[in-house]
């Protein structure tokens, strides 16, 4: 059992990151997926995570969504522990009630949309604010319509997912996540399930969010060009660690680590 007394009960100070992974390890049996990971994401920052399959990049998002437990370390969101809670002045693993509350700070867009098929686009966006945040239906509708406008889907608000294209469904999914007013938005390969001709629909929405809204975002992507254009920082993951990170121009233009160079060369050849 890890000694949790070395971790702060909360993060204090003027420069508290929105997300902090502090010495986080995740293993499945003998397989270590994340190896003592330290990662900060600051307010308003867009961080892209790239790397080969099995490098641990999607696990980072699953940890933040509390879809997986961690073996050691602590994750903080908005200065408060996410994976743990305070009990009698020390941190202990969080219970389900605490996790449900903490998870409300995080918005997630999955690869396969995960919209409720029996609800319209508008109803999909309203459900969370009404049921989880306790907003009135009037408030939730106003907020949802504003966000559907933001992603270019207001004219489709009364359509069910089955009547929408993949790109349209993903844009509704982004609006639905934003409707919860998260502190941080997570994007997990949000274009990989889309036809090539509609990928631009979704990437343009994310680009607009980056340029015009001070959202904190963490994105796992295999689209190197998109990551280069949109990110403040790119992290290359390999074997459960950040092998290299930096500004997009530096990491893509002049990678310092041999494993990074190999990966980028392989991706370029595949394209």
C-alpha atoms as a PDB file:
ATOM      1  CA  UNK A   1       0.000   0.000   0.000  1.00  0.00           C
ATOM      2  CA  UNK A   2       1.423   3.366  -1.043  1.00  0.00           C
ATOM      3  CA  UNK A   3       2.081   5.999   1.610  1.00  0.00           C
ATOM      4  CA  UNK A   4      -0.264   8.824   0.572  1.00  0.00           C
ATOM      5  CA  UNK A   5       0.888  11.240   3.257  1.00  0.00           C
ATOM      6  CA  UNK A   6       3.496  12.669   0.871  1.00  0.00           C
ATOM      7  CA  UNK A   7       0.776  14.056  -1.425  1.00  0.00           C
ATOM      8  CA  UNK A   8      -0.940  17.387  -0.664  1.00  0.00           C
ATOM      9  CA  UNK A   9      -4.620  17.362   0.282  1.00  0.00           C
ATOM     10  CA  UNK A  10      -5.099  20.086  -2.326  1.00  0.00           C
ATOM     11  CA  UNK A  11      -2.919  22.218  -4.594  1.00  0.00           C
ATOM     12  CA  UNK A  12      -2.463  25.807  -3.450  1.00  0.00           C
ATOM     13  CA  UNK A  13      -0.886  28.870  -5.005  1.00  0.00           C
ATOM     14  CA  UNK A  14      -1.365  31.209  -7.931  1.00  0.00           C
ATOM     15  CA  UNK A  15      -0.300  28.817 -10.678  1.00  0.00           C
ATOM     16  CA  UNK A  16      -2.274  25.684  -9.842  1.00  0.00           C
ATOM     17  CA  UNK A  17      -2.666  23.577 -13.011  1.00  0.00           C
ATOM     18  CA  UNK A  18      -6.133  22.497 -14.093  1.00  0.00           C
ATOM     19  CA  UNK A  19      -4.833  18.921 -14.362  1.00  0.00           C
ATOM     20  CA  UNK A  20      -1.908  17.390 -12.498  1.00  0.00           C
ATOM     21  CA  UNK A  21      -0.732  13.781 -12.671  1.00  0.00           C
ATOM     22  CA  UNK A  22       1.648  13.278  -9.764  1.00  0.00           C
ATOM     23  CA  UNK A  23       3.723  10.098  -9.886  1.00  0.00           C
ATOM     24  CA  UNK A  24       0.822   8.129 -11.415  1.00  0.00           C
ATOM     25  CA  UNK A  25       1.286   4.451 -12.198  1.00  0.00           C
ATOM     26  CA  UNK A  26      -1.242   2.118 -13.795  1.00  0.00           C
ATOM     27  CA  UNK A  27      -0.590  -1.583 -14.262  1.00  0.00           C
ATOM     28  CA  UNK A  28      -2.537  -4.592 -15.459  1.00  0.00           C
ATOM     29  CA  UNK A  29      -0.796  -7.503 -13.811  1.00  0.00           C
ATOM     30  CA  UNK A  30       2.821  -7.419 -14.977  1.00  0.00           C
ATOM     31  CA  UNK A  31       2.070  -4.890 -17.730  1.00  0.00           C
ATOM     32  CA  UNK A  32       2.790  -1.287 -16.710  1.00  0.00           C
ATOM     33  CA  UNK A  33       0.721   1.086 -18.868  1.00  0.00           C
ATOM     34  CA  UNK A  34       1.615   4.345 -17.109  1.00  0.00           C
ATOM     35  CA  UNK A  35       4.947   4.508 -15.313  1.00  0.00           C
ATOM     36  CA  UNK A  36       5.236   7.185 -12.578  1.00  0.00           C
ATOM     37  CA  UNK A  37       3.704   9.807 -14.854  1.00  0.00           C
ATOM     38  CA  UNK A  38       4.062  13.498 -14.011  1.00  0.00           C
ATOM     39  CA  UNK A  39       2.014  15.810 -16.229  1.00  0.00           C
ATOM     40  CA  UNK A  40       0.551  19.290 -15.731  1.00  0.00           C
ATOM     41  CA  UNK A  41      -2.004  20.991 -17.982  1.00  0.00           C
ATOM     42  CA  UNK A  42      -2.473  24.698 -17.272  1.00  0.00           C
ATOM     43  CA  UNK A  43      -5.636  26.763 -17.644  1.00  0.00           C
ATOM     44  CA  UNK A  44      -6.499  27.483 -21.273  1.00  0.00           C
ATOM     45  CA  UNK A  45      -3.809  25.144 -22.584  1.00  0.00           C
ATOM     46  CA  UNK A  46      -4.386  22.720 -25.459  1.00  0.00           C
ATOM     47  CA  UNK A  47      -2.198  19.635 -25.063  1.00  0.00           C
ATOM     48  CA  UNK A  48      -2.098  16.887 -27.681  1.00  0.00           C
ATOM     49  CA  UNK A  49      -0.920  13.403 -26.782  1.00  0.00           C
ATOM     50  CA  UNK A  50       0.609  11.290 -29.535  1.00  0.00           C
ATOM     51  CA  UNK A  51       2.421   7.977 -29.591  1.00  0.00           C
ATOM     52  CA  UNK A  52       2.255   4.371 -30.809  1.00  0.00           C
ATOM     53  CA  UNK A  53      -0.479   1.963 -29.794  1.00  0.00           C
ATOM     54  CA  UNK A  54       0.025   0.702 -26.256  1.00  0.00           C
ATOM     55  CA  UNK A  55       2.060   3.724 -25.174  1.00  0.00           C
ATOM     56  CA  UNK A  56      -0.459   4.721 -22.494  1.00  0.00           C
ATOM     57  CA  UNK A  57      -1.944   7.801 -24.144  1.00  0.00           C
ATOM     58  CA  UNK A  58      -5.619   6.770 -24.040  1.00  0.00           C
ATOM     59  CA  UNK A  59      -5.148   5.478 -20.500  1.00  0.00           C
ATOM     60  CA  UNK A  60      -4.389   9.072 -19.467  1.00  0.00           C
ATOM     61  CA  UNK A  61      -7.885  10.091 -20.551  1.00  0.00           C
ATOM     62  CA  UNK A  62      -9.505   7.043 -18.982  1.00  0.00           C
ATOM     63  CA  UNK A  63      -7.823   7.909 -15.672  1.00  0.00           C
ATOM     64  CA  UNK A  64      -9.222  11.428 -15.836  1.00  0.00           C
ATOM     65  CA  UNK A  65     -12.700  10.116 -16.570  1.00  0.00           C
ATOM     66  CA  UNK A  66     -12.330   7.768 -13.577  1.00  0.00           C
ATOM     67  CA  UNK A  67     -13.054   4.844 -15.884  1.00  0.00           C
ATOM     68  CA  UNK A  68      -9.945   3.163 -14.472  1.00  0.00           C
ATOM     69  CA  UNK A  69      -8.383   3.206 -11.036  1.00  0.00           C
ATOM     70  CA  UNK A  70      -4.697   3.997 -10.581  1.00  0.00           C
ATOM     71  CA  UNK A  71      -2.166   1.850  -8.724  1.00  0.00           C
ATOM     72  CA  UNK A  72      -0.142   4.684  -7.226  1.00  0.00           C
ATOM     73  CA  UNK A  73       0.170   8.449  -7.291  1.00  0.00           C
ATOM     74  CA  UNK A  74      -2.600  11.044  -7.275  1.00  0.00           C
ATOM     75  CA  UNK A  75      -4.451  12.946 -10.011  1.00  0.00           C
ATOM     76  CA  UNK A  76      -5.666  16.474  -9.245  1.00  0.00           C
ATOM     77  CA  UNK A  77      -8.258  18.492 -11.185  1.00  0.00           C
ATOM     78  CA  UNK A  78      -8.734  22.187 -10.482  1.00  0.00           C
ATOM     79  CA  UNK A  79      -6.502  21.873  -7.424  1.00  0.00           C
ATOM     80  CA  UNK A  80      -8.558  19.108  -5.785  1.00  0.00           C
ATOM     81  CA  UNK A  81      -7.700  15.398  -5.752  1.00  0.00           C
ATOM     82  CA  UNK A  82      -9.702  13.446  -8.333  1.00  0.00           C
ATOM     83  CA  UNK A  83      -8.658   9.893  -7.582  1.00  0.00           C
ATOM     84  CA  UNK A  84      -8.543  10.366  -3.811  1.00  0.00           C
ATOM     85  CA  UNK A  85     -10.448  12.194  -1.092  1.00  0.00           C
ATOM     86  CA  UNK A  86      -9.606  13.565   2.331  1.00  0.00           C
ATOM     87  CA  UNK A  87     -10.511  11.495   5.367  1.00  0.00           C
ATOM     88  CA  UNK A  88      -9.328  12.504   8.843  1.00  0.00           C
ATOM     89  CA  UNK A  89      -6.636  14.741   7.404  1.00  0.00           C
ATOM     90  CA  UNK A  90      -5.118  12.231   4.978  1.00  0.00           C
ATOM     91  CA  UNK A  91      -5.829  11.128   1.417  1.00  0.00           C
ATOM     92  CA  UNK A  92      -7.593   7.825   0.831  1.00  0.00           C
ATOM     93  CA  UNK A  93      -8.864   6.278  -2.417  1.00  0.00           C
ATOM     94  CA  UNK A  94     -12.057   8.035  -3.495  1.00  0.00           C
ATOM     95  CA  UNK A  95     -15.428   6.326  -3.106  1.00  0.00           C
ATOM     96  CA  UNK A  96     -18.070   6.307  -5.847  1.00  0.00           C
ATOM     97  CA  UNK A  97     -20.007   9.252  -4.431  1.00  0.00           C
ATOM     98  CA  UNK A  98     -16.890  11.437  -4.421  1.00  0.00           C
ATOM     99  CA  UNK A  99     -15.909  10.276  -7.925  1.00  0.00           C
ATOM    100  CA  UNK A 100     -19.324  11.157  -9.376  1.00  0.00           C
ATOM    101  CA  UNK A 101     -19.019  14.697  -8.031  1.00  0.00           C
ATOM    102  CA  UNK A 102     -15.388  15.132  -9.091  1.00  0.00           C
ATOM    103  CA  UNK A 103     -16.088  13.755 -12.571  1.00  0.00           C
ATOM    104  CA  UNK A 104     -18.498  16.629 -13.235  1.00  0.00           C
ATOM    105  CA  UNK A 105     -15.470  18.865 -13.802  1.00  0.00           C
ATOM    106  CA  UNK A 106     -14.455  16.839 -16.851  1.00  0.00           C
ATOM    107  CA  UNK A 107     -16.017  16.700 -20.311  1.00  0.00           C
ATOM    108  CA  UNK A 108     -15.215  13.787 -22.605  1.00  0.00           C
ATOM    109  CA  UNK A 109     -15.742  13.230 -26.315  1.00  0.00           C
ATOM    110  CA  UNK A 110     -15.296   9.627 -27.334  1.00  0.00           C
ATOM    111  CA  UNK A 111     -14.317   8.077 -30.612  1.00  0.00           C
ATOM    112  CA  UNK A 112     -17.813   6.644 -31.204  1.00  0.00           C
ATOM    113  CA  UNK A 113     -20.002   9.582 -30.093  1.00  0.00           C
ATOM    114  CA  UNK A 114     -22.045   7.631 -27.472  1.00  0.00           C
ATOM    115  CA  UNK A 115     -25.163   9.745 -28.003  1.00  0.00           C
ATOM    116  CA  UNK A 116     -28.479   8.536 -26.578  1.00  0.00           C
ATOM    117  CA  UNK A 117     -30.246   7.115 -29.668  1.00  0.00           C
ATOM    118  CA  UNK A 118     -33.778   7.759 -28.349  1.00  0.00           C
ATOM    119  CA  UNK A 119     -33.127  11.475 -27.759  1.00  0.00           C
ATOM    120  CA  UNK A 120     -32.862  14.361 -30.186  1.00  0.00           C
ATOM    121  CA  UNK A 121     -29.660  16.387 -30.461  1.00  0.00           C
ATOM    122  CA  UNK A 122     -31.154  19.009 -28.141  1.00  0.00           C
ATOM    123  CA  UNK A 123     -32.352  16.436 -25.605  1.00  0.00           C
ATOM    124  CA  UNK A 124     -28.909  14.806 -25.606  1.00  0.00           C
ATOM    125  CA  UNK A 125     -27.358  18.133 -24.650  1.00  0.00           C
ATOM    126  CA  UNK A 126     -29.988  18.955 -22.014  1.00  0.00           C
ATOM    127  CA  UNK A 127     -29.963  15.625 -20.177  1.00  0.00           C
ATOM    128  CA  UNK A 128     -26.766  16.101 -18.172  1.00  0.00           C
ATOM    129  CA  UNK A 129     -27.364  19.700 -17.046  1.00  0.00           C
ATOM    130  CA  UNK A 130     -30.888  18.812 -15.859  1.00  0.00           C
ATOM    131  CA  UNK A 131     -30.178  15.439 -14.248  1.00  0.00           C
ATOM    132  CA  UNK A 132     -26.662  16.053 -12.878  1.00  0.00           C
ATOM    133  CA  UNK A 133     -26.286  19.815 -12.465  1.00  0.00           C
ATOM    134  CA  UNK A 134     -29.897  20.395 -11.413  1.00  0.00           C
ATOM    135  CA  UNK A 135     -30.530  23.120 -14.000  1.00  0.00           C
ATOM    136  CA  UNK A 136     -34.093  23.958 -14.959  1.00  0.00           C
ATOM    137  CA  UNK A 137     -35.236  22.683 -18.338  1.00  0.00           C
ATOM    138  CA  UNK A 138     -35.492  26.276 -19.560  1.00  0.00           C
ATOM    139  CA  UNK A 139     -31.903  27.054 -18.528  1.00  0.00           C
ATOM    140  CA  UNK A 140     -30.650  23.776 -19.954  1.00  0.00           C
ATOM    141  CA  UNK A 141     -32.427  24.379 -23.256  1.00  0.00           C
ATOM    142  CA  UNK A 142     -30.976  27.868 -23.592  1.00  0.00           C
ATOM    143  CA  UNK A 143     -27.492  26.615 -22.789  1.00  0.00           C
ATOM    144  CA  UNK A 144     -27.820  23.634 -25.150  1.00  0.00           C
ATOM    145  CA  UNK A 145     -29.114  25.704 -28.051  1.00  0.00           C
ATOM    146  CA  UNK A 146     -26.245  28.153 -27.581  1.00  0.00           C
ATOM    147  CA  UNK A 147     -23.745  25.296 -27.762  1.00  0.00           C
ATOM    148  CA  UNK A 148     -25.424  23.602 -30.715  1.00  0.00           C
ATOM    149  CA  UNK A 149     -25.116  26.946 -32.497  1.00  0.00           C
ATOM    150  CA  UNK A 150     -21.445  27.055 -31.542  1.00  0.00           C
ATOM    151  CA  UNK A 151     -20.797  23.705 -33.235  1.00  0.00           C
ATOM    152  CA  UNK A 152     -22.998  24.477 -36.239  1.00  0.00           C
ATOM    153  CA  UNK A 153     -25.790  22.061 -35.348  1.00  0.00           C
ATOM    154  CA  UNK A 154     -28.678  24.283 -34.246  1.00  0.00           C
ATOM    155  CA  UNK A 155     -30.680  23.499 -37.386  1.00  0.00           C
ATOM    156  CA  UNK A 156     -30.486  19.790 -36.536  1.00  0.00           C
ATOM    157  CA  UNK A 157     -31.498  20.170 -32.889  1.00  0.00           C
ATOM    158  CA  UNK A 158     -34.708  18.131 -33.291  1.00  0.00           C
ATOM    159  CA  UNK A 159     -33.075  15.267 -35.177  1.00  0.00           C
ATOM    160  CA  UNK A 160     -32.261  11.920 -33.583  1.00  0.00           C
ATOM    161  CA  UNK A 161     -28.684  10.566 -33.944  1.00  0.00           C
ATOM    162  CA  UNK A 162     -29.781   8.018 -36.559  1.00  0.00           C
ATOM    163  CA  UNK A 163     -30.676  10.937 -38.860  1.00  0.00           C
ATOM    164  CA  UNK A 164     -27.255  12.579 -38.468  1.00  0.00           C
ATOM    165  CA  UNK A 165     -23.957  11.872 -40.212  1.00  0.00           C
ATOM    166  CA  UNK A 166     -20.937  10.777 -38.197  1.00  0.00           C
ATOM    167  CA  UNK A 167     -19.465  14.264 -38.302  1.00  0.00           C
ATOM    168  CA  UNK A 168     -22.757  15.776 -37.168  1.00  0.00           C
ATOM    169  CA  UNK A 169     -23.068  13.263 -34.320  1.00  0.00           C
ATOM    170  CA  UNK A 170     -19.548  14.075 -33.138  1.00  0.00           C
ATOM    171  CA  UNK A 171     -20.319  17.799 -33.146  1.00  0.00           C
ATOM    172  CA  UNK A 172     -23.431  17.157 -31.036  1.00  0.00           C
ATOM    173  CA  UNK A 173     -21.284  15.064 -28.694  1.00  0.00           C
ATOM    174  CA  UNK A 174     -18.908  18.021 -28.282  1.00  0.00           C
ATOM    175  CA  UNK A 175     -21.848  20.338 -27.499  1.00  0.00           C
ATOM    176  CA  UNK A 176     -23.215  17.793 -25.007  1.00  0.00           C
ATOM    177  CA  UNK A 177     -19.878  17.627 -23.186  1.00  0.00           C
ATOM    178  CA  UNK A 178     -19.590  21.428 -23.101  1.00  0.00           C
ATOM    179  CA  UNK A 179     -23.105  21.723 -21.687  1.00  0.00           C
ATOM    180  CA  UNK A 180     -21.773  20.332 -18.398  1.00  0.00           C
ATOM    181  CA  UNK A 181     -19.454  23.364 -18.110  1.00  0.00           C
ATOM    182  CA  UNK A 182     -16.351  21.245 -17.525  1.00  0.00           C
ATOM    183  CA  UNK A 183     -13.039  22.563 -16.250  1.00  0.00           C
ATOM    184  CA  UNK A 184     -11.248  20.437 -18.835  1.00  0.00           C
ATOM    185  CA  UNK A 185     -12.307  18.856 -22.132  1.00  0.00           C
ATOM    186  CA  UNK A 186     -10.925  15.503 -23.238  1.00  0.00           C
ATOM    187  CA  UNK A 187     -10.922  14.326 -26.850  1.00  0.00           C
ATOM    188  CA  UNK A 188     -10.123  10.677 -27.570  1.00  0.00           C
ATOM    189  CA  UNK A 189      -9.380  10.138 -31.272  1.00  0.00           C
ATOM    190  CA  UNK A 190     -12.564  12.026 -32.090  1.00  0.00           C
ATOM    191  CA  UNK A 191     -11.986  11.888 -35.854  1.00  0.00           C
ATOM    192  CA  UNK A 192     -10.866   8.266 -36.210  1.00  0.00           C
ATOM    193  CA  UNK A 193     -14.378   6.851 -36.704  1.00  0.00           C
ATOM    194  CA  UNK A 194     -15.288   9.464 -39.304  1.00  0.00           C
ATOM    195  CA  UNK A 195     -15.190   9.362 -43.084  1.00  0.00           C
ATOM    196  CA  UNK A 196     -12.309  11.454 -44.448  1.00  0.00           C
ATOM    197  CA  UNK A 197     -14.607  14.032 -46.047  1.00  0.00           C
ATOM    198  CA  UNK A 198     -16.269  14.966 -42.734  1.00  0.00           C
ATOM    199  CA  UNK A 199     -13.168  15.036 -40.524  1.00  0.00           C
ATOM    200  CA  UNK A 200     -12.827  18.736 -41.339  1.00  0.00           C
ATOM    201  CA  UNK A 201     -16.235  19.429 -39.748  1.00  0.00           C
ATOM    202  CA  UNK A 202     -15.040  18.252 -36.359  1.00  0.00           C
ATOM    203  CA  UNK A 203     -11.487  19.577 -36.516  1.00  0.00           C
ATOM    204  CA  UNK A 204     -12.851  23.024 -37.398  1.00  0.00           C
ATOM    205  CA  UNK A 205     -15.115  22.964 -34.329  1.00  0.00           C
ATOM    206  CA  UNK A 206     -12.202  22.051 -32.064  1.00  0.00           C
ATOM    207  CA  UNK A 207     -10.018  24.683 -33.719  1.00  0.00           C
ATOM    208  CA  UNK A 208     -12.739  27.271 -33.047  1.00  0.00           C
ATOM    209  CA  UNK A 209     -12.917  26.220 -29.389  1.00  0.00           C
ATOM    210  CA  UNK A 210      -9.155  26.656 -29.094  1.00  0.00           C
ATOM    211  CA  UNK A 211      -9.054  30.022 -30.835  1.00  0.00           C
ATOM    212  CA  UNK A 212     -12.116  31.710 -29.348  1.00  0.00           C
ATOM    213  CA  UNK A 213     -12.791  30.068 -25.987  1.00  0.00           C
ATOM    214  CA  UNK A 214     -10.389  29.746 -23.094  1.00  0.00           C
ATOM    215  CA  UNK A 215     -10.957  26.032 -22.649  1.00  0.00           C
ATOM    216  CA  UNK A 216      -8.428  23.667 -21.167  1.00  0.00           C
ATOM    217  CA  UNK A 217      -8.159  20.636 -23.440  1.00  0.00           C
ATOM    218  CA  UNK A 218      -6.310  17.351 -23.600  1.00  0.00           C
ATOM    219  CA  UNK A 219      -6.514  15.491 -26.906  1.00  0.00           C
ATOM    220  CA  UNK A 220      -5.296  12.066 -27.972  1.00  0.00           C
ATOM    221  CA  UNK A 221      -4.941  12.025 -31.747  1.00  0.00           C
ATOM    222  CA  UNK A 222      -3.234  10.201 -34.592  1.00  0.00           C
ATOM    223  CA  UNK A 223      -3.582  13.222 -36.871  1.00  0.00           C
ATOM    224  CA  UNK A 224      -0.140  14.774 -36.685  1.00  0.00           C
ATOM    225  CA  UNK A 225      -0.986  17.757 -38.871  1.00  0.00           C
ATOM    226  CA  UNK A 226      -3.969  18.641 -36.715  1.00  0.00           C
ATOM    227  CA  UNK A 227      -1.930  18.279 -33.525  1.00  0.00           C
ATOM    228  CA  UNK A 228       0.740  20.531 -34.974  1.00  0.00           C
ATOM    229  CA  UNK A 229      -1.756  23.227 -36.001  1.00  0.00           C
ATOM    230  CA  UNK A 230      -3.905  23.325 -32.906  1.00  0.00           C
ATOM    231  CA  UNK A 231      -1.743  22.522 -29.881  1.00  0.00           C
ATOM    232  CA  UNK A 232       0.112  24.676 -27.409  1.00  0.00           C
ATOM    233  CA  UNK A 233       2.137  21.609 -26.433  1.00  0.00           C
ATOM    234  CA  UNK A 234       2.546  18.079 -27.789  1.00  0.00           C
ATOM    235  CA  UNK A 235       3.493  15.122 -25.580  1.00  0.00           C
ATOM    236  CA  UNK A 236       4.946  12.026 -27.224  1.00  0.00           C
ATOM    237  CA  UNK A 237       4.233   8.960 -25.107  1.00  0.00           C
ATOM    238  CA  UNK A 238       6.267   5.779 -25.245  1.00  0.00           C
ATOM    239  CA  UNK A 239       6.192   2.808 -22.847  1.00  0.00           C
ATOM    240  CA  UNK A 240       3.993   4.595 -20.324  1.00  0.00           C
ATOM    241  CA  UNK A 241       6.142   7.697 -20.039  1.00  0.00           C
ATOM    242  CA  UNK A 242       6.428  11.073 -21.735  1.00  0.00           C
ATOM    243  CA  UNK A 243       9.416  10.417 -23.961  1.00  0.00           C
ATOM    244  CA  UNK A 244       9.476  13.989 -25.251  1.00  0.00           C
ATOM    245  CA  UNK A 245       7.298  17.092 -25.090  1.00  0.00           C
ATOM    246  CA  UNK A 246       7.413  20.623 -26.363  1.00  0.00           C
ATOM    247  CA  UNK A 247       5.904  23.211 -28.652  1.00  0.00           C
ATOM    248  CA  UNK A 248       4.572  21.662 -31.870  1.00  0.00           C
ATOM    249  CA  UNK A 249       7.125  23.401 -34.095  1.00  0.00           C
ATOM    250  CA  UNK A 250       9.963  22.063 -31.947  1.00  0.00           C
ATOM    251  CA  UNK A 251       8.711  18.514 -31.459  1.00  0.00           C
ATOM    252  CA  UNK A 252       7.676  17.970 -35.070  1.00  0.00           C
ATOM    253  CA  UNK A 253      10.406  20.100 -36.639  1.00  0.00           C
ATOM    254  CA  UNK A 254      13.399  19.090 -34.544  1.00  0.00           C
ATOM    255  CA  UNK A 255      12.677  16.121 -32.254  1.00  0.00           C
ATOM    256  CA  UNK A 256      15.441  15.485 -29.742  1.00  0.00           C
ATOM    257  CA  UNK A 257      14.809  11.820 -28.914  1.00  0.00           C
ATOM    258  CA  UNK A 258      15.525   8.958 -31.278  1.00  0.00           C
ATOM    259  CA  UNK A 259      12.243   7.189 -30.440  1.00  0.00           C
ATOM    260  CA  UNK A 260      10.314  10.359 -31.307  1.00  0.00           C
ATOM    261  CA  UNK A 261      12.132  10.617 -34.637  1.00  0.00           C
ATOM    262  CA  UNK A 262      11.353   6.977 -35.422  1.00  0.00           C
ATOM    263  CA  UNK A 263       7.660   7.421 -34.646  1.00  0.00           C
ATOM    264  CA  UNK A 264       7.259  10.617 -36.671  1.00  0.00           C
ATOM    265  CA  UNK A 265       9.133   9.073 -39.595  1.00  0.00           C
ATOM    266  CA  UNK A 266       6.887   6.003 -39.540  1.00  0.00           C
ATOM    267  CA  UNK A 267       3.733   8.142 -39.379  1.00  0.00           C
ATOM    268  CA  UNK A 268       4.948  10.279 -42.277  1.00  0.00           C
ATOM    269  CA  UNK A 269       5.619   7.184 -44.396  1.00  0.00           C
ATOM    270  CA  UNK A 270       2.152   5.797 -43.574  1.00  0.00           C
ATOM    271  CA  UNK A 271       0.535   9.046 -44.752  1.00  0.00           C
END
